[in-house]
C-alpha atoms as a PDB file:
ATOM      1  CA  UNK A   1     -27.414 -47.413  -6.510  1.00  0.00           C
ATOM      2  CA  UNK A   2     -29.422 -44.912  -8.567  1.00  0.00           C
ATOM      3  CA  UNK A   3     -28.760 -42.210  -5.962  1.00  0.00           C
ATOM      4  CA  UNK A   4     -25.056 -43.048  -6.013  1.00  0.00           C
ATOM      5  CA  UNK A   5     -24.984 -42.844  -9.814  1.00  0.00           C
ATOM      6  CA  UNK A   6     -26.752 -39.501  -9.766  1.00  0.00           C
ATOM      7  CA  UNK A   7     -24.238 -38.189  -7.224  1.00  0.00           C
ATOM      8  CA  UNK A   8     -21.335 -39.409  -9.334  1.00  0.00           C
ATOM      9  CA  UNK A   9     -22.840 -37.788 -12.445  1.00  0.00           C
ATOM     10  CA  UNK A  10     -23.305 -34.460 -10.632  1.00  0.00           C
ATOM     11  CA  UNK A  11     -19.693 -34.618  -9.415  1.00  0.00           C
ATOM     12  CA  UNK A  12     -18.463 -35.217 -12.971  1.00  0.00           C
ATOM     13  CA  UNK A  13     -20.478 -32.261 -14.274  1.00  0.00           C
ATOM     14  CA  UNK A  14     -18.971 -30.025 -11.589  1.00  0.00           C
ATOM     15  CA  UNK A  15     -15.519 -31.330 -12.383  1.00  0.00           C
ATOM     16  CA  UNK A  16     -15.928 -30.593 -16.089  1.00  0.00           C
ATOM     17  CA  UNK A  17     -17.608 -27.201 -15.920  1.00  0.00           C
ATOM     18  CA  UNK A  18     -16.687 -25.719 -12.541  1.00  0.00           C
ATOM     19  CA  UNK A  19     -13.392 -27.105 -11.334  1.00  0.00           C
ATOM     20  CA  UNK A  20     -10.992 -24.824 -13.248  1.00  0.00           C
ATOM     21  CA  UNK A  21     -12.721 -21.612 -12.161  1.00  0.00           C
ATOM     22  CA  UNK A  22     -13.609 -22.918  -8.683  1.00  0.00           C
ATOM     23  CA  UNK A  23     -10.010 -24.003  -8.126  1.00  0.00           C
ATOM     24  CA  UNK A  24      -8.762 -20.596  -9.218  1.00  0.00           C
ATOM     25  CA  UNK A  25     -11.151 -18.879  -6.838  1.00  0.00           C
ATOM     26  CA  UNK A  26     -10.058 -21.148  -3.979  1.00  0.00           C
ATOM     27  CA  UNK A  27      -6.358 -20.553  -4.673  1.00  0.00           C
ATOM     28  CA  UNK A  28      -6.973 -16.805  -4.822  1.00  0.00           C
ATOM     29  CA  UNK A  29      -8.864 -16.900  -1.530  1.00  0.00           C
ATOM     30  CA  UNK A  30      -6.039 -18.860   0.096  1.00  0.00           C
ATOM     31  CA  UNK A  31      -3.535 -16.304  -1.174  1.00  0.00           C
ATOM     32  CA  UNK A  32      -5.656 -13.495   0.282  1.00  0.00           C
ATOM     33  CA  UNK A  33      -5.603 -15.162   3.692  1.00  0.00           C
ATOM     34  CA  UNK A  34      -1.827 -15.544   3.411  1.00  0.00           C
ATOM     35  CA  UNK A  35      -1.499 -11.835   2.664  1.00  0.00           C
ATOM     36  CA  UNK A  36      -3.647 -11.021   5.682  1.00  0.00           C
ATOM     37  CA  UNK A  37      -1.248 -13.066   7.807  1.00  0.00           C
ATOM     38  CA  UNK A  38       1.773 -11.434   6.155  1.00  0.00           C
ATOM     39  CA  UNK A  39       0.538  -7.931   6.994  1.00  0.00           C
ATOM     40  CA  UNK A  40      -0.307  -8.964  10.551  1.00  0.00           C
ATOM     41  CA  UNK A  41       3.112 -10.568  11.045  1.00  0.00           C
ATOM     42  CA  UNK A  42       4.891  -7.482   9.711  1.00  0.00           C
ATOM     43  CA  UNK A  43       2.902  -5.343  12.146  1.00  0.00           C
ATOM     44  CA  UNK A  44       3.647  -7.675  15.055  1.00  0.00           C
ATOM     45  CA  UNK A  45       7.385  -7.704  14.303  1.00  0.00           C
ATOM     46  CA  UNK A  46       7.586  -3.930  13.834  1.00  0.00           C
ATOM     47  CA  UNK A  47       5.714  -3.231  17.074  1.00  0.00           C
ATOM     48  CA  UNK A  48       7.980  -5.586  19.002  1.00  0.00           C
ATOM     49  CA  UNK A  49      10.663  -2.988  18.233  1.00  0.00           C
ATOM     50  CA  UNK A  50       8.499   0.155  18.282  1.00  0.00           C
ATOM     51  CA  UNK A  51       5.097  -0.278  19.908  1.00  0.00           C
ATOM     52  CA  UNK A  52       3.695   2.813  18.195  1.00  0.00           C
ATOM     53  CA  UNK A  53       4.808   1.829  14.691  1.00  0.00           C
ATOM     54  CA  UNK A  54       2.163   2.637  12.072  1.00  0.00           C
ATOM     55  CA  UNK A  55       1.067   0.151   9.403  1.00  0.00           C
ATOM     56  CA  UNK A  56      -0.879   1.310   6.323  1.00  0.00           C
ATOM     57  CA  UNK A  57      -1.558  -1.200   3.521  1.00  0.00           C
ATOM     58  CA  UNK A  58      -2.264   0.263   0.073  1.00  0.00           C
ATOM     59  CA  UNK A  59      -4.945  -1.204  -2.231  1.00  0.00           C
ATOM     60  CA  UNK A  60      -6.273  -4.724  -1.770  1.00  0.00           C
ATOM     61  CA  UNK A  61      -9.136  -3.252   0.253  1.00  0.00           C
ATOM     62  CA  UNK A  62     -10.866  -6.654   0.329  1.00  0.00           C
ATOM     63  CA  UNK A  63      -8.240  -7.910   2.771  1.00  0.00           C
ATOM     64  CA  UNK A  64     -10.015  -6.048   5.562  1.00  0.00           C
ATOM     65  CA  UNK A  65     -12.832  -8.609   5.258  1.00  0.00           C
ATOM     66  CA  UNK A  66     -12.956 -12.311   6.078  1.00  0.00           C
ATOM     67  CA  UNK A  67     -11.879 -14.441   3.089  1.00  0.00           C
ATOM     68  CA  UNK A  68     -11.350 -11.102   1.283  1.00  0.00           C
ATOM     69  CA  UNK A  69     -15.099 -11.045   0.707  1.00  0.00           C
ATOM     70  CA  UNK A  70     -17.147  -8.048   1.954  1.00  0.00           C
ATOM     71  CA  UNK A  71     -20.237 -10.199   2.563  1.00  0.00           C
ATOM     72  CA  UNK A  72     -18.282 -12.252   5.118  1.00  0.00           C
ATOM     73  CA  UNK A  73     -17.802  -9.376   7.565  1.00  0.00           C
ATOM     74  CA  UNK A  74     -14.822  -7.314   8.680  1.00  0.00           C
ATOM     75  CA  UNK A  75     -11.681  -9.234   9.636  1.00  0.00           C
ATOM     76  CA  UNK A  76     -11.088  -7.859  13.115  1.00  0.00           C
ATOM     77  CA  UNK A  77      -7.592  -9.335  13.506  1.00  0.00           C
ATOM     78  CA  UNK A  78      -6.439  -7.705  10.270  1.00  0.00           C
ATOM     79  CA  UNK A  79      -8.085  -4.423  11.176  1.00  0.00           C
ATOM     80  CA  UNK A  80      -6.385  -4.431  14.579  1.00  0.00           C
ATOM     81  CA  UNK A  81      -2.997  -4.816  12.873  1.00  0.00           C
ATOM     82  CA  UNK A  82      -3.324  -1.722  10.687  1.00  0.00           C
ATOM     83  CA  UNK A  83      -3.687   1.984  11.433  1.00  0.00           C
ATOM     84  CA  UNK A  84      -5.223   3.200   8.181  1.00  0.00           C
ATOM     85  CA  UNK A  85      -6.043   2.054   4.659  1.00  0.00           C
ATOM     86  CA  UNK A  86      -4.542   3.532   1.500  1.00  0.00           C
ATOM     87  CA  UNK A  87      -5.968   3.225  -1.985  1.00  0.00           C
ATOM     88  CA  UNK A  88      -5.386   4.731  -5.421  1.00  0.00           C
ATOM     89  CA  UNK A  89      -7.705   6.069  -8.128  1.00  0.00           C
ATOM     90  CA  UNK A  90     -11.003   5.590  -6.345  1.00  0.00           C
ATOM     91  CA  UNK A  91     -12.994   8.281  -8.149  1.00  0.00           C
ATOM     92  CA  UNK A  92     -10.515   9.480 -10.774  1.00  0.00           C
ATOM     93  CA  UNK A  93      -8.215   7.439 -12.995  1.00  0.00           C
ATOM     94  CA  UNK A  94      -7.290  10.232 -15.366  1.00  0.00           C
ATOM     95  CA  UNK A  95     -10.946  11.171 -15.870  1.00  0.00           C
ATOM     96  CA  UNK A  96     -13.900  10.633 -13.592  1.00  0.00           C
ATOM     97  CA  UNK A  97     -14.333   6.893 -13.164  1.00  0.00           C
ATOM     98  CA  UNK A  98     -15.794   6.114  -9.722  1.00  0.00           C
ATOM     99  CA  UNK A  99     -15.290   2.602  -8.365  1.00  0.00           C
ATOM    100  CA  UNK A 100     -18.496   1.772  -6.515  1.00  0.00           C
ATOM    101  CA  UNK A 101     -17.216  -1.647  -5.383  1.00  0.00           C
ATOM    102  CA  UNK A 102     -14.257  -0.250  -3.467  1.00  0.00           C
ATOM    103  CA  UNK A 103     -16.175   2.803  -2.293  1.00  0.00           C
ATOM    104  CA  UNK A 104     -18.811   0.606  -0.658  1.00  0.00           C
ATOM    105  CA  UNK A 105     -16.110  -1.320   1.199  1.00  0.00           C
ATOM    106  CA  UNK A 106     -14.260   1.810   2.258  1.00  0.00           C
ATOM    107  CA  UNK A 107     -17.493   3.384   3.498  1.00  0.00           C
ATOM    108  CA  UNK A 108     -17.684   0.499   5.973  1.00  0.00           C
ATOM    109  CA  UNK A 109     -14.011   0.646   6.909  1.00  0.00           C
ATOM    110  CA  UNK A 110     -13.725   4.417   7.412  1.00  0.00           C
ATOM    111  CA  UNK A 111     -15.909   3.979  10.483  1.00  0.00           C
ATOM    112  CA  UNK A 112     -12.984   2.088  12.000  1.00  0.00           C
ATOM    113  CA  UNK A 113      -9.803   3.372  10.322  1.00  0.00           C
ATOM    114  CA  UNK A 114      -8.714   6.490   8.396  1.00  0.00           C
ATOM    115  CA  UNK A 115      -8.748   6.110   4.607  1.00  0.00           C
ATOM    116  CA  UNK A 116      -6.099   7.782   2.433  1.00  0.00           C
ATOM    117  CA  UNK A 117      -7.001   8.107  -1.251  1.00  0.00           C
ATOM    118  CA  UNK A 118      -4.581   9.088  -4.004  1.00  0.00           C
ATOM    119  CA  UNK A 119      -6.551  10.338  -6.988  1.00  0.00           C
ATOM    120  CA  UNK A 120      -5.030  10.590 -10.481  1.00  0.00           C
ATOM    121  CA  UNK A 121      -6.589  13.689 -12.059  1.00  0.00           C
ATOM    122  CA  UNK A 122      -5.363  14.856 -15.462  1.00  0.00           C
ATOM    123  CA  UNK A 123      -7.611  17.915 -15.903  1.00  0.00           C
ATOM    124  CA  UNK A 124      -6.956  20.744 -13.409  1.00  0.00           C
ATOM    125  CA  UNK A 125     -10.605  21.758 -13.387  1.00  0.00           C
ATOM    126  CA  UNK A 126     -11.481  18.350 -11.892  1.00  0.00           C
ATOM    127  CA  UNK A 127      -9.099  18.493  -8.944  1.00  0.00           C
ATOM    128  CA  UNK A 128     -11.518  20.141  -6.529  1.00  0.00           C
ATOM    129  CA  UNK A 129     -14.247  17.703  -7.517  1.00  0.00           C
ATOM    130  CA  UNK A 130     -11.960  14.789  -6.647  1.00  0.00           C
ATOM    131  CA  UNK A 131     -11.263  16.327  -3.245  1.00  0.00           C
ATOM    132  CA  UNK A 132     -14.975  16.913  -2.677  1.00  0.00           C
ATOM    133  CA  UNK A 133     -15.842  13.322  -3.583  1.00  0.00           C
ATOM    134  CA  UNK A 134     -13.318  11.985  -1.071  1.00  0.00           C
ATOM    135  CA  UNK A 135     -14.352  14.460   1.629  1.00  0.00           C
ATOM    136  CA  UNK A 136     -18.008  13.487   1.254  1.00  0.00           C
ATOM    137  CA  UNK A 137     -17.045   9.963   2.346  1.00  0.00           C
ATOM    138  CA  UNK A 138     -14.657  11.053   5.087  1.00  0.00           C
ATOM    139  CA  UNK A 139     -11.533  10.094   3.108  1.00  0.00           C
ATOM    140  CA  UNK A 140      -8.269  12.102   3.057  1.00  0.00           C
ATOM    141  CA  UNK A 141      -7.313  12.978  -0.508  1.00  0.00           C
ATOM    142  CA  UNK A 142      -4.012  13.470  -2.320  1.00  0.00           C
ATOM    143  CA  UNK A 143      -4.204  14.753  -5.902  1.00  0.00           C
ATOM    144  CA  UNK A 144      -1.743  13.289  -8.394  1.00  0.00           C
ATOM    145  CA  UNK A 145      -1.727  15.247 -11.641  1.00  0.00           C
ATOM    146  CA  UNK A 146      -0.713  14.240 -15.158  1.00  0.00           C
ATOM    147  CA  UNK A 147       2.769  15.625 -14.590  1.00  0.00           C
ATOM    148  CA  UNK A 148       3.118  13.801 -11.286  1.00  0.00           C
ATOM    149  CA  UNK A 149       2.100  10.275 -12.257  1.00  0.00           C
ATOM    150  CA  UNK A 150       5.144   8.751 -10.500  1.00  0.00           C
ATOM    151  CA  UNK A 151       4.768  10.708  -7.263  1.00  0.00           C
ATOM    152  CA  UNK A 152       7.824  12.860  -7.952  1.00  0.00           C
ATOM    153  CA  UNK A 153       6.531  16.337  -7.091  1.00  0.00           C
ATOM    154  CA  UNK A 154       5.384  18.250  -4.021  1.00  0.00           C
ATOM    155  CA  UNK A 155       2.054  19.932  -4.812  1.00  0.00           C
ATOM    156  CA  UNK A 156       1.006  23.116  -3.113  1.00  0.00           C
ATOM    157  CA  UNK A 157      -1.048  22.217  -0.077  1.00  0.00           C
ATOM    158  CA  UNK A 158      -4.724  22.835  -0.680  1.00  0.00           C
ATOM    159  CA  UNK A 159      -5.757  25.288   2.052  1.00  0.00           C
ATOM    160  CA  UNK A 160      -3.835  26.814   4.924  1.00  0.00           C
ATOM    161  CA  UNK A 161      -2.895  23.615   6.711  1.00  0.00           C
ATOM    162  CA  UNK A 162      -2.735  23.558  10.501  1.00  0.00           C
ATOM    163  CA  UNK A 163      -0.100  23.803  13.205  1.00  0.00           C
ATOM    164  CA  UNK A 164      -1.396  20.854  15.233  1.00  0.00           C
ATOM    165  CA  UNK A 165       1.031  18.191  16.408  1.00  0.00           C
ATOM    166  CA  UNK A 166       0.079  15.061  14.437  1.00  0.00           C
ATOM    167  CA  UNK A 167       0.456  12.019  16.677  1.00  0.00           C
ATOM    168  CA  UNK A 168      -1.700   9.519  14.780  1.00  0.00           C
ATOM    169  CA  UNK A 169      -2.932   8.993  11.229  1.00  0.00           C
ATOM    170  CA  UNK A 170      -6.422   9.915  12.343  1.00  0.00           C
ATOM    171  CA  UNK A 171      -5.220  13.393  13.283  1.00  0.00           C
ATOM    172  CA  UNK A 172      -3.785  14.055   9.811  1.00  0.00           C
ATOM    173  CA  UNK A 173      -5.958  16.365   7.719  1.00  0.00           C
ATOM    174  CA  UNK A 174      -3.761  16.031   4.611  1.00  0.00           C
ATOM    175  CA  UNK A 175      -0.804  14.069   3.334  1.00  0.00           C
ATOM    176  CA  UNK A 176       2.045  14.152   0.828  1.00  0.00           C
ATOM    177  CA  UNK A 177       2.850  11.118  -1.329  1.00  0.00           C
ATOM    178  CA  UNK A 178       6.434  11.434  -2.632  1.00  0.00           C
ATOM    179  CA  UNK A 179       8.268   8.254  -3.624  1.00  0.00           C
ATOM    180  CA  UNK A 180      10.273   9.306  -6.697  1.00  0.00           C
ATOM    181  CA  UNK A 181      13.472  11.363  -6.518  1.00  0.00           C
ATOM    182  CA  UNK A 182      13.271  12.538 -10.141  1.00  0.00           C
ATOM    183  CA  UNK A 183      12.564  16.183  -9.228  1.00  0.00           C
ATOM    184  CA  UNK A 184      15.540  16.536  -6.880  1.00  0.00           C
ATOM    185  CA  UNK A 185      19.274  16.595  -7.467  1.00  0.00           C
ATOM    186  CA  UNK A 186      20.245  15.288  -4.018  1.00  0.00           C
ATOM    187  CA  UNK A 187      18.702  14.153  -0.704  1.00  0.00           C
ATOM    188  CA  UNK A 188      19.264  17.518   0.964  1.00  0.00           C
ATOM    189  CA  UNK A 189      17.256  19.352  -1.672  1.00  0.00           C
ATOM    190  CA  UNK A 190      14.379  16.912  -1.286  1.00  0.00           C
ATOM    191  CA  UNK A 191      14.406  17.130   2.512  1.00  0.00           C
ATOM    192  CA  UNK A 192      14.517  20.928   2.465  1.00  0.00           C
ATOM    193  CA  UNK A 193      11.566  20.975   0.071  1.00  0.00           C
ATOM    194  CA  UNK A 194       9.523  18.739   2.363  1.00  0.00           C
ATOM    195  CA  UNK A 195      10.511  20.774   5.433  1.00  0.00           C
ATOM    196  CA  UNK A 196       9.129  23.906   3.769  1.00  0.00           C
ATOM    197  CA  UNK A 197       5.593  22.444   3.665  1.00  0.00           C
ATOM    198  CA  UNK A 198       2.786  22.079   6.188  1.00  0.00           C
ATOM    199  CA  UNK A 199       1.750  18.547   5.236  1.00  0.00           C
ATOM    200  CA  UNK A 200       0.587  16.588   8.295  1.00  0.00           C
ATOM    201  CA  UNK A 201       1.836  13.223   7.028  1.00  0.00           C
ATOM    202  CA  UNK A 202       4.501  12.374   4.475  1.00  0.00           C
ATOM    203  CA  UNK A 203       4.787   9.058   2.618  1.00  0.00           C
ATOM    204  CA  UNK A 204       8.269   8.732   1.137  1.00  0.00           C
ATOM    205  CA  UNK A 205      10.923   6.178   0.253  1.00  0.00           C
ATOM    206  CA  UNK A 206      13.612   4.968   2.642  1.00  0.00           C
ATOM    207  CA  UNK A 207      16.104   5.527  -0.160  1.00  0.00           C
ATOM    208  CA  UNK A 208      17.147   8.454  -2.317  1.00  0.00           C
ATOM    209  CA  UNK A 209      18.508   6.446  -5.236  1.00  0.00           C
ATOM    210  CA  UNK A 210      21.206   4.312  -3.531  1.00  0.00           C
ATOM    211  CA  UNK A 211      21.433   6.499  -0.435  1.00  0.00           C
ATOM    212  CA  UNK A 212      19.554   5.268   2.631  1.00  0.00           C
ATOM    213  CA  UNK A 213      18.021   8.030   4.710  1.00  0.00           C
ATOM    214  CA  UNK A 214      19.098   8.263   8.340  1.00  0.00           C
ATOM    215  CA  UNK A 215      17.432   9.351  11.563  1.00  0.00           C
ATOM    216  CA  UNK A 216      19.386  12.607  11.266  1.00  0.00           C
ATOM    217  CA  UNK A 217      17.898  13.164   7.819  1.00  0.00           C
ATOM    218  CA  UNK A 218      14.381  12.585   9.119  1.00  0.00           C
ATOM    219  CA  UNK A 219      14.899  15.075  11.929  1.00  0.00           C
ATOM    220  CA  UNK A 220      15.004  17.770   9.240  1.00  0.00           C
ATOM    221  CA  UNK A 221      11.398  17.071   8.220  1.00  0.00           C
ATOM    222  CA  UNK A 222       9.696  16.023  11.457  1.00  0.00           C
ATOM    223  CA  UNK A 223       8.334  19.508  12.039  1.00  0.00           C
ATOM    224  CA  UNK A 224       6.052  21.311   9.628  1.00  0.00           C
ATOM    225  CA  UNK A 225       6.942  24.791   8.429  1.00  0.00           C
ATOM    226  CA  UNK A 226       4.327  26.188  10.816  1.00  0.00           C
ATOM    227  CA  UNK A 227       5.923  24.439  13.805  1.00  0.00           C
ATOM    228  CA  UNK A 228       3.604  21.467  14.302  1.00  0.00           C
ATOM    229  CA  UNK A 229       4.912  17.912  14.377  1.00  0.00           C
ATOM    230  CA  UNK A 230       4.186  15.600  11.457  1.00  0.00           C
ATOM    231  CA  UNK A 231       4.324  11.864  10.784  1.00  0.00           C
ATOM    232  CA  UNK A 232       6.822  10.387   8.317  1.00  0.00           C
ATOM    233  CA  UNK A 233       5.899   7.018   6.772  1.00  0.00           C
ATOM    234  CA  UNK A 234       8.194   4.832   4.644  1.00  0.00           C
ATOM    235  CA  UNK A 235       6.982   3.286   1.398  1.00  0.00           C
ATOM    236  CA  UNK A 236       7.735  -0.417   0.885  1.00  0.00           C
ATOM    237  CA  UNK A 237       6.378  -2.919  -1.624  1.00  0.00           C
ATOM    238  CA  UNK A 238       5.642  -6.239   0.074  1.00  0.00           C
ATOM    239  CA  UNK A 239       3.908  -7.938  -2.874  1.00  0.00           C
ATOM    240  CA  UNK A 240       6.444  -7.226  -5.596  1.00  0.00           C
ATOM    241  CA  UNK A 241      10.218  -7.369  -5.954  1.00  0.00           C
ATOM    242  CA  UNK A 242      11.958  -4.366  -7.485  1.00  0.00           C
ATOM    243  CA  UNK A 243      15.115  -4.856  -9.510  1.00  0.00           C
ATOM    244  CA  UNK A 244      16.646  -1.570  -8.282  1.00  0.00           C
ATOM    245  CA  UNK A 245      16.428  -2.411  -4.556  1.00  0.00           C
ATOM    246  CA  UNK A 246      19.408  -3.257  -2.357  1.00  0.00           C
ATOM    247  CA  UNK A 247      18.180  -6.841  -1.851  1.00  0.00           C
ATOM    248  CA  UNK A 248      18.109  -7.706  -5.574  1.00  0.00           C
ATOM    249  CA  UNK A 249      20.580 -10.379  -6.639  1.00  0.00           C
ATOM    250  CA  UNK A 250      22.071  -9.861 -10.115  1.00  0.00           C
ATOM    251  CA  UNK A 251      21.361 -13.527 -10.966  1.00  0.00           C
ATOM    252  CA  UNK A 252      17.633 -13.127 -10.340  1.00  0.00           C
ATOM    253  CA  UNK A 253      15.076 -12.940 -13.118  1.00  0.00           C
ATOM    254  CA  UNK A 254      11.531 -14.090 -13.776  1.00  0.00           C
ATOM    255  CA  UNK A 255      11.078 -17.573 -12.220  1.00  0.00           C
ATOM    256  CA  UNK A 256      14.658 -17.564 -10.892  1.00  0.00           C
ATOM    257  CA  UNK A 257      14.242 -17.956  -7.972  1.00  0.00           C
ATOM    258  CA  UNK A 258      10.905 -19.632  -8.524  1.00  0.00           C
ATOM    259  CA  UNK A 259       9.051 -17.309  -6.120  1.00  0.00           C
ATOM    260  CA  UNK A 260       9.511 -14.443  -8.626  1.00  0.00           C
ATOM    261  CA  UNK A 261       6.298 -15.395 -10.341  1.00  0.00           C
ATOM    262  CA  UNK A 262       5.036 -12.809 -12.789  1.00  0.00           C
ATOM    263  CA  UNK A 263       6.002  -9.627 -14.635  1.00  0.00           C
ATOM    264  CA  UNK A 264       4.325  -6.464 -13.364  1.00  0.00           C
ATOM    265  CA  UNK A 265       2.583  -4.906 -16.347  1.00  0.00           C
ATOM    266  CA  UNK A 266       3.824  -1.371 -16.990  1.00  0.00           C
ATOM    267  CA  UNK A 267       6.810  -1.695 -14.637  1.00  0.00           C
ATOM    268  CA  UNK A 268       9.659  -3.559 -16.366  1.00  0.00           C
ATOM    269  CA  UNK A 269      11.862  -3.585 -13.246  1.00  0.00           C
ATOM    270  CA  UNK A 270       9.189  -5.021 -10.976  1.00  0.00           C
ATOM    271  CA  UNK A 271       7.793  -8.524 -10.482  1.00  0.00           C
ATOM    272  CA  UNK A 272       4.905 -10.032  -8.552  1.00  0.00           C
ATOM    273  CA  UNK A 273       6.220 -12.501  -6.001  1.00  0.00           C
ATOM    274  CA  UNK A 274       4.947 -15.543  -4.155  1.00  0.00           C
ATOM    275  CA  UNK A 275       4.936 -13.408  -1.034  1.00  0.00           C
ATOM    276  CA  UNK A 276       4.481 -16.276   1.417  1.00  0.00           C
ATOM    277  CA  UNK A 277       7.847 -17.724   0.400  1.00  0.00           C
ATOM    278  CA  UNK A 278      10.222 -17.800   3.371  1.00  0.00           C
ATOM    279  CA  UNK A 279      13.083 -16.199   1.436  1.00  0.00           C
ATOM    280  CA  UNK A 280      10.920 -13.232   0.424  1.00  0.00           C
ATOM    281  CA  UNK A 281       9.417 -12.802   3.874  1.00  0.00           C
ATOM    282  CA  UNK A 282      12.884 -12.749   5.445  1.00  0.00           C
ATOM    283  CA  UNK A 283      13.816  -9.923   3.090  1.00  0.00           C
ATOM    284  CA  UNK A 284      10.819  -7.937   4.327  1.00  0.00           C
ATOM    285  CA  UNK A 285      10.820  -8.516   8.099  1.00  0.00           C
ATOM    286  CA  UNK A 286      12.145 -10.529  11.025  1.00  0.00           C
ATOM    287  CA  UNK A 287      15.875  -9.823  11.174  1.00  0.00           C
ATOM    288  CA  UNK A 288      18.298  -6.950  11.723  1.00  0.00           C
ATOM    289  CA  UNK A 289      18.958  -6.860   7.979  1.00  0.00           C
ATOM    290  CA  UNK A 290      15.307  -6.895   6.936  1.00  0.00           C
ATOM    291  CA  UNK A 291      13.659  -4.032   5.073  1.00  0.00           C
ATOM    292  CA  UNK A 292      11.254  -3.209   7.907  1.00  0.00           C
ATOM    293  CA  UNK A 293      14.132  -3.142  10.397  1.00  0.00           C
ATOM    294  CA  UNK A 294      15.993  -0.667   8.177  1.00  0.00           C
ATOM    295  CA  UNK A 295      12.878   1.532   8.118  1.00  0.00           C
ATOM    296  CA  UNK A 296      12.597   1.427  11.903  1.00  0.00           C
ATOM    297  CA  UNK A 297      16.312   2.087  12.418  1.00  0.00           C
ATOM    298  CA  UNK A 298      16.040   5.175  10.202  1.00  0.00           C
ATOM    299  CA  UNK A 299      13.383   6.538  12.552  1.00  0.00           C
ATOM    300  CA  UNK A 300      10.265   6.396  10.402  1.00  0.00           C
ATOM    301  CA  UNK A 301       6.943   6.466  12.232  1.00  0.00           C
ATOM    302  CA  UNK A 302       5.528   3.669  10.136  1.00  0.00           C
ATOM    303  CA  UNK A 303       5.408   1.790   6.846  1.00  0.00           C
ATOM    304  CA  UNK A 304       3.135   2.127   3.811  1.00  0.00           C
ATOM    305  CA  UNK A 305       2.762  -1.418   2.471  1.00  0.00           C
ATOM    306  CA  UNK A 306       2.232  -1.344  -1.270  1.00  0.00           C
ATOM    307  CA  UNK A 307       1.096  -4.121  -3.605  1.00  0.00           C
ATOM    308  CA  UNK A 308      -0.761  -6.107  -0.964  1.00  0.00           C
ATOM    309  CA  UNK A 309      -3.116  -6.952  -3.838  1.00  0.00           C
ATOM    310  CA  UNK A 310      -0.468  -9.406  -5.089  1.00  0.00           C
ATOM    311  CA  UNK A 311      -2.785 -12.094  -3.703  1.00  0.00           C
ATOM    312  CA  UNK A 312      -5.093 -11.322  -6.635  1.00  0.00           C
ATOM    313  CA  UNK A 313      -2.733 -10.442  -9.505  1.00  0.00           C
ATOM    314  CA  UNK A 314      -0.698 -13.617  -9.104  1.00  0.00           C
ATOM    315  CA  UNK A 315      -3.672 -15.525 -10.516  1.00  0.00           C
ATOM    316  CA  UNK A 316      -5.349 -13.034 -12.833  1.00  0.00           C
ATOM    317  CA  UNK A 317      -4.305 -11.217 -15.993  1.00  0.00           C
ATOM    318  CA  UNK A 318      -3.521  -7.504 -15.730  1.00  0.00           C
END
């Protein structure tokens, strides 16, 4: 009886002092596992239509590990589903601000998959240092300057580039990240500007405002200026809903439908979603009208999956 009472007392103490935080951690872990499955299912669907389709998740580096916890070992099923890992602001977030936690994880993962890092560098004199930091770890680096915060410009390629045919992400020595149309008056101008570069890999949007790019459009940029082939990857957010996308219903708003869960701080037209909801997942993949199918039909070589870290931000303050 005394032992039973002690056990009951210990349980009550845990319930009072630990349960709220422990429950939050458990829910977050469950959401991470659901995101791992989401990414894997997207990859499986895409490759049922194009067996060479490339999948690159951005941020949420922890997902490459079991239970999204680096001490639990690499998640081999997740790693097999992706072709590279993208991340932002690893060493520079305006100024020099290295993230040792993510760097340690990426140092493990770069042994298995290419790592693409977009650094936000506001002082021109720090740009080469950002590139050097990434190169020292074997990461490919894209520099985003103060005037290019929204990925709207095409920077001059650092170095001479190469005329190699790029057939996989691992072969790419550099990449262009261009997902805003603000610098261009029409799709043709944007495509011509990309065609005039020697970037090995281009990450861009499926849409130019309301215009959806076609396979004919992509043919204009498949070859670098120097004659080598390049890869063209489509940006898509799978963890947030964007008010300006074709799928948005004018009646939708925060909590209506209920899987639109949380405002995205700093982006008034974007919302974190309960990404495991069937309605949301059907928007993203699985049918002829899904977002991933539109990307494949346009002829992109792969998809850059943004906001996979929704598993975390759904349950934590920004």
